[in-house]
Amino acid sequence: FTTPSEGQQSAGLRSSSVPEDKLDIIASNGQGSVRTTIAKREYGTMTFGNNDTRKIVMGINPMPEIYSIKESLSGGLIAAGSSVINTDNALIPLGLLTSWAGEIRFTFKGMDYYNAQIKFIDLVAGQEIDITGESEYEYSFEYTPAVDSEKHPVADESRFFIRFTPAVSTGLSDSLSGTTKVYSNEDGISVVSSEKIYQVSVYDLRGALVSSVSQVKSTYLRINKPLPRSEVYIVKVSTESGVKNVKIMIGD
């Protein structure tokens, strides 16, 4: 789904899905807009499958390409233009790919049909916004494209997240309980979890403590500590359901 700037030809994708439990997320700027969808369906899975729409981006331009991200059965992550899930308990990263530097606006639609609690997370801004029950919500931010070592714009896949939890709390018995994701770059480390984080500690391979934050009591944490490229670290995350150790490489 795109809305091109003036003078360009229109293009669109027709959907036959019912409005219930379908969240639309639209990214827009002065060049146009792109939509991605997260839908709850009985045939959906938490890993990428035949019911998802793969997102294929030909090059990088100012158009703000937004997409959801799913894990592949063969390993790694896949960019999806439409994610289909069968649970109201999910932590889904949102990718953004654009060479645009300036204001970008996210527009969320369909929360009033979605039978779940929905929160949008912006790790860089330190925001966790409850958008449950809203028919439409807009979020604007100033954006500087992520770049690689050669200063070419690359996908930013560790800043934005959508977190679903059941509208009526069912405790921690379902399959997503304990899901924790760790992201890293030269500027620091981000941790996002499906449950409350108590403590995050970062160690180098010699076992020396590099950084530690305790009494977090939130579902996300950003440690703003510059770290050398090509170095390997162990991130120890303590949550409500236990401890998880994740090995990461800065600049990998």
C-alpha atoms as a PDB file:
ATOM      1  CA  PHE A   1       0.000   0.000   0.000  1.00  0.00           C
ATOM      2  CA  THR A   2       1.621   3.225  -1.123  1.00  0.00           C
ATOM      3  CA  THR A   3       0.492   6.812  -1.456  1.00  0.00           C
ATOM      4  CA  PRO A   4       2.921   8.431  -3.906  1.00  0.00           C
ATOM      5  CA  SER A   5       3.801  12.081  -4.032  1.00  0.00           C
ATOM      6  CA  GLU A   6       2.117  14.369  -6.570  1.00  0.00           C
ATOM      7  CA  GLY A   7       2.819  13.430 -10.175  1.00  0.00           C
ATOM      8  CA  GLN A   8       3.440   9.741  -9.481  1.00  0.00           C
ATOM      9  CA  GLN A   9       1.034   6.971 -10.434  1.00  0.00           C
ATOM     10  CA  SER A  10      -1.104   5.430  -7.694  1.00  0.00           C
ATOM     11  CA  ALA A  11      -0.698   1.816  -6.582  1.00  0.00           C
ATOM     12  CA  GLY A  12      -2.466  -0.245  -3.957  1.00  0.00           C
ATOM     13  CA  LEU A  13      -3.091  -3.682  -2.487  1.00  0.00           C
ATOM     14  CA  ARG A  14      -6.654  -4.843  -2.000  1.00  0.00           C
ATOM     15  CA  SER A  15      -7.412  -6.812   1.148  1.00  0.00           C
ATOM     16  CA  SER A  16     -10.436  -9.059   1.693  1.00  0.00           C
ATOM     17  CA  SER A  17      -9.787  -9.620   5.387  1.00  0.00           C
ATOM     18  CA  VAL A  18     -12.407  -8.699   7.974  1.00  0.00           C
ATOM     19  CA  PRO A  19     -11.642  -5.708  10.224  1.00  0.00           C
ATOM     20  CA  GLU A  20     -11.540  -7.681  13.478  1.00  0.00           C
ATOM     21  CA  ASP A  21      -8.098  -8.162  14.988  1.00  0.00           C
ATOM     22  CA  LYS A  22      -6.191  -6.421  12.183  1.00  0.00           C
ATOM     23  CA  LEU A  23      -3.777  -3.623  13.041  1.00  0.00           C
ATOM     24  CA  ASP A  24      -2.652  -1.308  10.232  1.00  0.00           C
ATOM     25  CA  ILE A  25       0.565   0.690  10.657  1.00  0.00           C
ATOM     26  CA  ILE A  26       1.322   3.401   8.100  1.00  0.00           C
ATOM     27  CA  ALA A  27       4.664   5.226   7.834  1.00  0.00           C
ATOM     28  CA  SER A  28       4.580   8.516   5.946  1.00  0.00           C
ATOM     29  CA  ASN A  29       6.724  11.535   5.132  1.00  0.00           C
ATOM     30  CA  GLY A  30       6.944  14.134   2.360  1.00  0.00           C
ATOM     31  CA  GLN A  31       7.579  11.419  -0.251  1.00  0.00           C
ATOM     32  CA  GLY A  32       4.590   9.166   0.391  1.00  0.00           C
ATOM     33  CA  SER A  33       3.432   6.389   2.713  1.00  0.00           C
ATOM     34  CA  VAL A  34       3.740   2.624   3.151  1.00  0.00           C
ATOM     35  CA  ARG A  35       1.536   0.294   5.188  1.00  0.00           C
ATOM     36  CA  THR A  36       2.208  -2.941   7.032  1.00  0.00           C
ATOM     37  CA  THR A  37      -0.389  -5.130   8.764  1.00  0.00           C
ATOM     38  CA  ILE A  38      -0.484  -7.368  11.824  1.00  0.00           C
ATOM     39  CA  ALA A  39      -3.542  -9.656  11.859  1.00  0.00           C
ATOM     40  CA  LYS A  40      -4.697 -12.287  14.322  1.00  0.00           C
ATOM     41  CA  ARG A  41      -5.980 -15.360  12.495  1.00  0.00           C
ATOM     42  CA  GLU A  42      -6.543 -18.989  13.499  1.00  0.00           C
ATOM     43  CA  TYR A  43      -4.090 -20.130  10.815  1.00  0.00           C
ATOM     44  CA  GLY A  44      -1.314 -17.733  11.848  1.00  0.00           C
ATOM     45  CA  THR A  45       2.021 -18.673  13.384  1.00  0.00           C
ATOM     46  CA  MET A  46       4.731 -16.836  15.296  1.00  0.00           C
ATOM     47  CA  THR A  47       7.296 -17.836  12.661  1.00  0.00           C
ATOM     48  CA  PHE A  48       7.222 -16.811   8.995  1.00  0.00           C
ATOM     49  CA  GLY A  49       4.920 -19.026   6.944  1.00  0.00           C
ATOM     50  CA  ASN A  50       2.779 -19.278   3.814  1.00  0.00           C
ATOM     51  CA  ASN A  51       0.121 -16.948   5.228  1.00  0.00           C
ATOM     52  CA  ASP A  52       2.561 -14.061   5.649  1.00  0.00           C
ATOM     53  CA  THR A  53       3.491 -11.609   2.911  1.00  0.00           C
ATOM     54  CA  ARG A  54       7.214 -11.286   2.370  1.00  0.00           C
ATOM     55  CA  LYS A  55       8.484  -7.712   2.119  1.00  0.00           C
ATOM     56  CA  ILE A  56      10.830  -7.135  -0.828  1.00  0.00           C
ATOM     57  CA  VAL A  57      12.500  -3.731  -1.030  1.00  0.00           C
ATOM     58  CA  MET A  58      14.347  -2.788  -4.203  1.00  0.00           C
ATOM     59  CA  GLY A  59      17.050  -0.384  -3.047  1.00  0.00           C
ATOM     60  CA  ILE A  60      16.814   2.425  -0.523  1.00  0.00           C
ATOM     61  CA  ASN A  61      15.063   5.711  -1.226  1.00  0.00           C
ATOM     62  CA  PRO A  62      13.317   8.454   0.786  1.00  0.00           C
ATOM     63  CA  MET A  63      10.036   6.480   0.881  1.00  0.00           C
ATOM     64  CA  PRO A  64       9.609   5.193   4.474  1.00  0.00           C
ATOM     65  CA  GLU A  65       9.390   1.405   4.036  1.00  0.00           C
ATOM     66  CA  ILE A  66       7.856  -0.052   7.208  1.00  0.00           C
ATOM     67  CA  TYR A  67       7.480  -3.776   7.810  1.00  0.00           C
ATOM     68  CA  SER A  68       7.052  -6.328  10.579  1.00  0.00           C
ATOM     69  CA  ILE A  69       9.709  -8.944  11.290  1.00  0.00           C
ATOM     70  CA  LYS A  70       9.302 -12.657  11.921  1.00  0.00           C
ATOM     71  CA  GLU A  71      11.678 -15.470  12.705  1.00  0.00           C
ATOM     72  CA  SER A  72      12.333 -18.065  10.016  1.00  0.00           C
ATOM     73  CA  LEU A  73      12.102 -21.813  10.614  1.00  0.00           C
ATOM     74  CA  SER A  74      15.553 -22.127   9.064  1.00  0.00           C
ATOM     75  CA  GLY A  75      16.994 -19.374  11.257  1.00  0.00           C
ATOM     76  CA  GLY A  76      17.365 -15.646  10.871  1.00  0.00           C
ATOM     77  CA  LEU A  77      14.731 -12.954  10.429  1.00  0.00           C
ATOM     78  CA  ILE A  78      12.376 -12.225   7.528  1.00  0.00           C
ATOM     79  CA  ALA A  79      10.835  -8.863   6.656  1.00  0.00           C
ATOM     80  CA  ALA A  80       7.070  -9.184   6.241  1.00  0.00           C
ATOM     81  CA  GLY A  81       4.590  -6.806   4.647  1.00  0.00           C
ATOM     82  CA  SER A  82       1.830  -8.584   6.550  1.00  0.00           C
ATOM     83  CA  SER A  83       2.290 -10.645   9.711  1.00  0.00           C
ATOM     84  CA  VAL A  84      -0.364 -13.200  10.638  1.00  0.00           C
ATOM     85  CA  ILE A  85      -0.418 -14.511  14.211  1.00  0.00           C
ATOM     86  CA  ASN A  86      -2.787 -16.690  16.224  1.00  0.00           C
ATOM     87  CA  THR A  87      -2.198 -15.247  19.679  1.00  0.00           C
ATOM     88  CA  ASP A  88      -2.917 -12.066  21.603  1.00  0.00           C
ATOM     89  CA  ASN A  89       0.475 -12.321  23.289  1.00  0.00           C
ATOM     90  CA  ALA A  90       3.246 -11.276  20.926  1.00  0.00           C
ATOM     91  CA  LEU A  91       6.297  -9.045  20.743  1.00  0.00           C
ATOM     92  CA  ILE A  92       6.819  -7.971  17.116  1.00  0.00           C
ATOM     93  CA  PRO A  93       9.706  -5.776  15.900  1.00  0.00           C
ATOM     94  CA  LEU A  94       8.962  -3.153  13.258  1.00  0.00           C
ATOM     95  CA  GLY A  95      11.603  -2.406  10.656  1.00  0.00           C
ATOM     96  CA  LEU A  96      12.030   0.979   8.991  1.00  0.00           C
ATOM     97  CA  LEU A  97      14.095   1.464   5.836  1.00  0.00           C
ATOM     98  CA  THR A  98      14.549   4.926   4.338  1.00  0.00           C
ATOM     99  CA  SER A  99      17.225   7.399   3.354  1.00  0.00           C
ATOM    100  CA  TRP A 100      14.958  10.208   4.575  1.00  0.00           C
ATOM    101  CA  ALA A 101      16.302  12.473   7.323  1.00  0.00           C
ATOM    102  CA  GLY A 102      13.567  14.483   9.003  1.00  0.00           C
ATOM    103  CA  GLU A 103      10.053  14.018  10.306  1.00  0.00           C
ATOM    104  CA  ILE A 104       8.304  10.668   9.851  1.00  0.00           C
ATOM    105  CA  ARG A 105       4.796   9.891  11.069  1.00  0.00           C
ATOM    106  CA  PHE A 106       3.401   6.507  12.089  1.00  0.00           C
ATOM    107  CA  THR A 107      -0.387   6.150  11.916  1.00  0.00           C
ATOM    108  CA  PHE A 108      -1.939   3.199  13.740  1.00  0.00           C
ATOM    109  CA  LYS A 109      -5.463   2.073  12.812  1.00  0.00           C
ATOM    110  CA  GLY A 110      -7.776  -0.740  13.884  1.00  0.00           C
ATOM    111  CA  MET A 111      -7.003  -0.953  17.596  1.00  0.00           C
ATOM    112  CA  ASP A 112     -10.719  -0.563  18.377  1.00  0.00           C
ATOM    113  CA  TYR A 113     -11.364  -3.841  16.511  1.00  0.00           C
ATOM    114  CA  TYR A 114      -8.377  -5.701  17.961  1.00  0.00           C
ATOM    115  CA  ASN A 115      -9.329  -7.702  21.060  1.00  0.00           C
ATOM    116  CA  ALA A 116      -6.040  -7.239  22.917  1.00  0.00           C
ATOM    117  CA  GLN A 117      -4.018  -4.684  24.810  1.00  0.00           C
ATOM    118  CA  ILE A 118      -1.668  -3.011  22.326  1.00  0.00           C
ATOM    119  CA  LYS A 119       1.441  -0.986  23.148  1.00  0.00           C
ATOM    120  CA  PHE A 120       3.851   0.748  20.789  1.00  0.00           C
ATOM    121  CA  ILE A 121       7.494   0.959  21.921  1.00  0.00           C
ATOM    122  CA  ASP A 122      10.109   3.443  20.691  1.00  0.00           C
ATOM    123  CA  LEU A 123      13.374   2.459  22.369  1.00  0.00           C
ATOM    124  CA  VAL A 124      15.326   5.518  21.240  1.00  0.00           C
ATOM    125  CA  ALA A 125      12.732   7.923  22.633  1.00  0.00           C
ATOM    126  CA  GLY A 126      12.193   5.737  25.727  1.00  0.00           C
ATOM    127  CA  GLN A 127       8.447   5.611  25.071  1.00  0.00           C
ATOM    128  CA  GLU A 128       5.934   2.825  25.665  1.00  0.00           C
ATOM    129  CA  ILE A 129       2.531   4.081  24.518  1.00  0.00           C
ATOM    130  CA  ASP A 130      -0.751   2.283  25.186  1.00  0.00           C
ATOM    131  CA  ILE A 131      -2.874   2.564  22.020  1.00  0.00           C
ATOM    132  CA  THR A 132      -5.481  -0.006  23.070  1.00  0.00           C
ATOM    133  CA  GLY A 133      -9.011   0.742  21.859  1.00  0.00           C
ATOM    134  CA  GLU A 134      -8.064   3.750  19.726  1.00  0.00           C
ATOM    135  CA  SER A 135      -9.565   3.903  16.231  1.00  0.00           C
ATOM    136  CA  GLU A 136      -6.516   5.897  15.077  1.00  0.00           C
ATOM    137  CA  TYR A 137      -3.309   7.126  16.703  1.00  0.00           C
ATOM    138  CA  GLU A 138      -0.494   9.218  15.203  1.00  0.00           C
ATOM    139  CA  TYR A 139       3.117   9.260  16.354  1.00  0.00           C
ATOM    140  CA  SER A 140       5.602  11.736  14.825  1.00  0.00           C
ATOM    141  CA  PHE A 141       9.354  11.711  15.326  1.00  0.00           C
ATOM    142  CA  GLU A 142      12.530  13.155  13.850  1.00  0.00           C
ATOM    143  CA  TYR A 143      14.534  10.444  12.125  1.00  0.00           C
ATOM    144  CA  THR A 144      18.165  10.081  11.135  1.00  0.00           C
ATOM    145  CA  PRO A 145      18.776   6.999   8.958  1.00  0.00           C
ATOM    146  CA  ALA A 146      20.811   4.157  10.402  1.00  0.00           C
ATOM    147  CA  VAL A 147      24.017   3.660   8.382  1.00  0.00           C
ATOM    148  CA  ASP A 148      26.612   0.944   7.879  1.00  0.00           C
ATOM    149  CA  SER A 149      30.395   1.275   8.210  1.00  0.00           C
ATOM    150  CA  GLU A 150      30.511   2.945   4.777  1.00  0.00           C
ATOM    151  CA  LYS A 151      27.794   5.446   5.762  1.00  0.00           C
ATOM    152  CA  HIS A 152      25.162   3.874   3.498  1.00  0.00           C
ATOM    153  CA  PRO A 153      21.592   3.863   4.906  1.00  0.00           C
ATOM    154  CA  VAL A 154      20.496   0.494   6.270  1.00  0.00           C
ATOM    155  CA  ALA A 155      17.357  -0.950   7.846  1.00  0.00           C
ATOM    156  CA  ASP A 156      16.634   0.085  11.421  1.00  0.00           C
ATOM    157  CA  GLU A 157      15.137  -3.025  13.055  1.00  0.00           C
ATOM    158  CA  SER A 158      15.853  -2.561  16.752  1.00  0.00           C
ATOM    159  CA  ARG A 159      14.038   0.670  17.613  1.00  0.00           C
ATOM    160  CA  PHE A 160      10.286   0.133  17.149  1.00  0.00           C
ATOM    161  CA  PHE A 161       8.099  -2.668  18.529  1.00  0.00           C
ATOM    162  CA  ILE A 162       4.443  -3.627  18.907  1.00  0.00           C
ATOM    163  CA  ARG A 163       3.566  -5.604  22.032  1.00  0.00           C
ATOM    164  CA  PHE A 164       0.240  -7.446  22.322  1.00  0.00           C
ATOM    165  CA  THR A 165      -1.049  -8.809  25.623  1.00  0.00           C
ATOM    166  CA  PRO A 166      -4.447 -10.407  26.327  1.00  0.00           C
ATOM    167  CA  ALA A 167      -7.271  -7.959  27.015  1.00  0.00           C
ATOM    168  CA  VAL A 168      -7.974 -10.049  30.126  1.00  0.00           C
ATOM    169  CA  SER A 169      -4.788 -11.097  31.879  1.00  0.00           C
ATOM    170  CA  THR A 170      -4.124 -14.845  31.749  1.00  0.00           C
ATOM    171  CA  GLY A 171      -0.845 -14.808  33.647  1.00  0.00           C
ATOM    172  CA  LEU A 172       2.333 -16.220  32.145  1.00  0.00           C
ATOM    173  CA  SER A 173       1.113 -19.618  31.035  1.00  0.00           C
ATOM    174  CA  ASP A 174       0.959 -19.055  27.294  1.00  0.00           C
ATOM    175  CA  SER A 175       3.637 -19.825  24.717  1.00  0.00           C
ATOM    176  CA  LEU A 176       5.158 -16.346  24.499  1.00  0.00           C
ATOM    177  CA  SER A 177       5.972 -16.097  28.191  1.00  0.00           C
ATOM    178  CA  GLY A 178       9.641 -15.327  28.614  1.00  0.00           C
ATOM    179  CA  THR A 179      10.341 -13.969  25.117  1.00  0.00           C
ATOM    180  CA  THR A 180      13.328 -11.625  25.296  1.00  0.00           C
ATOM    181  CA  LYS A 181      15.140  -9.928  22.408  1.00  0.00           C
ATOM    182  CA  VAL A 182      18.565  -8.246  22.605  1.00  0.00           C
ATOM    183  CA  TYR A 183      19.878  -5.807  19.988  1.00  0.00           C
ATOM    184  CA  SER A 184      23.214  -4.053  19.802  1.00  0.00           C
ATOM    185  CA  ASN A 185      25.196  -1.425  17.944  1.00  0.00           C
ATOM    186  CA  GLU A 186      28.155   0.838  18.638  1.00  0.00           C
ATOM    187  CA  ASP A 187      26.007   3.197  20.727  1.00  0.00           C
ATOM    188  CA  GLY A 188      24.796   0.599  23.195  1.00  0.00           C
ATOM    189  CA  ILE A 189      22.470  -2.332  23.825  1.00  0.00           C
ATOM    190  CA  SER A 190      18.660  -2.592  23.708  1.00  0.00           C
ATOM    191  CA  VAL A 191      16.622  -5.249  25.513  1.00  0.00           C
ATOM    192  CA  VAL A 192      12.893  -5.812  24.890  1.00  0.00           C
ATOM    193  CA  SER A 193      10.857  -8.482  26.684  1.00  0.00           C
ATOM    194  CA  SER A 194       7.306  -9.803  26.805  1.00  0.00           C
ATOM    195  CA  GLU A 195       7.457  -9.440  30.596  1.00  0.00           C
ATOM    196  CA  LYS A 196       9.043  -7.194  33.205  1.00  0.00           C
ATOM    197  CA  ILE A 197      12.832  -6.997  33.221  1.00  0.00           C
ATOM    198  CA  TYR A 198      14.499  -6.907  36.641  1.00  0.00           C
ATOM    199  CA  GLN A 199      18.174  -6.617  35.794  1.00  0.00           C
ATOM    200  CA  VAL A 200      20.483  -6.507  32.765  1.00  0.00           C
ATOM    201  CA  SER A 201      24.228  -7.143  33.032  1.00  0.00           C
ATOM    202  CA  VAL A 202      26.790  -7.025  30.218  1.00  0.00           C
ATOM    203  CA  TYR A 203      30.066  -9.008  30.395  1.00  0.00           C
ATOM    204  CA  ASP A 204      32.992  -9.287  28.022  1.00  0.00           C
ATOM    205  CA  LEU A 205      34.383 -12.719  27.092  1.00  0.00           C
ATOM    206  CA  ARG A 206      36.910 -12.510  29.940  1.00  0.00           C
ATOM    207  CA  GLY A 207      34.018 -12.359  32.391  1.00  0.00           C
ATOM    208  CA  ALA A 208      34.557  -8.718  33.345  1.00  0.00           C
ATOM    209  CA  LEU A 209      31.401  -6.718  34.065  1.00  0.00           C
ATOM    210  CA  VAL A 210      31.030  -3.958  31.467  1.00  0.00           C
ATOM    211  CA  SER A 211      27.675  -2.514  32.549  1.00  0.00           C
ATOM    212  CA  SER A 212      24.763  -3.399  34.815  1.00  0.00           C
ATOM    213  CA  VAL A 213      21.315  -1.925  35.431  1.00  0.00           C
ATOM    214  CA  SER A 214      19.127  -3.220  38.267  1.00  0.00           C
ATOM    215  CA  GLN A 215      15.539  -2.571  39.398  1.00  0.00           C
ATOM    216  CA  VAL A 216      14.448  -1.981  35.811  1.00  0.00           C
ATOM    217  CA  LYS A 217      10.778  -3.004  36.336  1.00  0.00           C
ATOM    218  CA  SER A 218       9.916  -2.320  32.690  1.00  0.00           C
ATOM    219  CA  THR A 219       9.518  -4.394  29.530  1.00  0.00           C
ATOM    220  CA  TYR A 220      12.334  -2.589  27.730  1.00  0.00           C
ATOM    221  CA  LEU A 221      15.722  -1.086  28.479  1.00  0.00           C
ATOM    222  CA  ARG A 222      18.285   0.876  26.516  1.00  0.00           C
ATOM    223  CA  ILE A 223      21.889   0.921  27.788  1.00  0.00           C
ATOM    224  CA  ASN A 224      23.588   3.919  26.178  1.00  0.00           C
ATOM    225  CA  LYS A 225      27.204   2.841  26.477  1.00  0.00           C
ATOM    226  CA  PRO A 226      29.520   3.092  23.445  1.00  0.00           C
ATOM    227  CA  LEU A 227      31.136  -0.288  22.752  1.00  0.00           C
ATOM    228  CA  PRO A 228      33.991  -1.225  20.357  1.00  0.00           C
ATOM    229  CA  ARG A 229      33.116  -2.856  17.032  1.00  0.00           C
ATOM    230  CA  SER A 230      33.817  -6.562  16.444  1.00  0.00           C
ATOM    231  CA  GLU A 231      33.790  -7.266  20.192  1.00  0.00           C
ATOM    232  CA  VAL A 232      31.709 -10.100  21.661  1.00  0.00           C
ATOM    233  CA  TYR A 233      29.697  -9.693  24.861  1.00  0.00           C
ATOM    234  CA  ILE A 234      27.363 -11.765  27.010  1.00  0.00           C
ATOM    235  CA  VAL A 235      24.136 -10.019  28.026  1.00  0.00           C
ATOM    236  CA  LYS A 236      22.486 -11.522  31.115  1.00  0.00           C
ATOM    237  CA  VAL A 237      18.785 -10.599  31.366  1.00  0.00           C
ATOM    238  CA  SER A 238      16.784 -11.385  34.511  1.00  0.00           C
ATOM    239  CA  THR A 239      12.990 -11.354  34.072  1.00  0.00           C
ATOM    240  CA  GLU A 240       9.897 -12.633  35.873  1.00  0.00           C
ATOM    241  CA  SER A 241      10.325 -16.123  34.421  1.00  0.00           C
ATOM    242  CA  GLY A 242      14.068 -16.535  34.875  1.00  0.00           C
ATOM    243  CA  VAL A 243      17.482 -15.639  33.454  1.00  0.00           C
ATOM    244  CA  LYS A 244      18.508 -15.572  29.809  1.00  0.00           C
ATOM    245  CA  ASN A 245      22.103 -15.202  28.520  1.00  0.00           C
ATOM    246  CA  VAL A 246      22.541 -13.793  25.017  1.00  0.00           C
ATOM    247  CA  LYS A 247      25.834 -13.586  23.117  1.00  0.00           C
ATOM    248  CA  ILE A 248      26.109 -10.527  20.880  1.00  0.00           C
ATOM    249  CA  MET A 249      28.745  -8.978  18.651  1.00  0.00           C
ATOM    250  CA  ILE A 250      28.931  -5.218  18.213  1.00  0.00           C
ATOM    251  CA  GLY A 251      28.907  -4.263  14.552  1.00  0.00           C
ATOM    252  CA  ASP A 252      28.066  -7.805  13.444  1.00  0.00           C
END
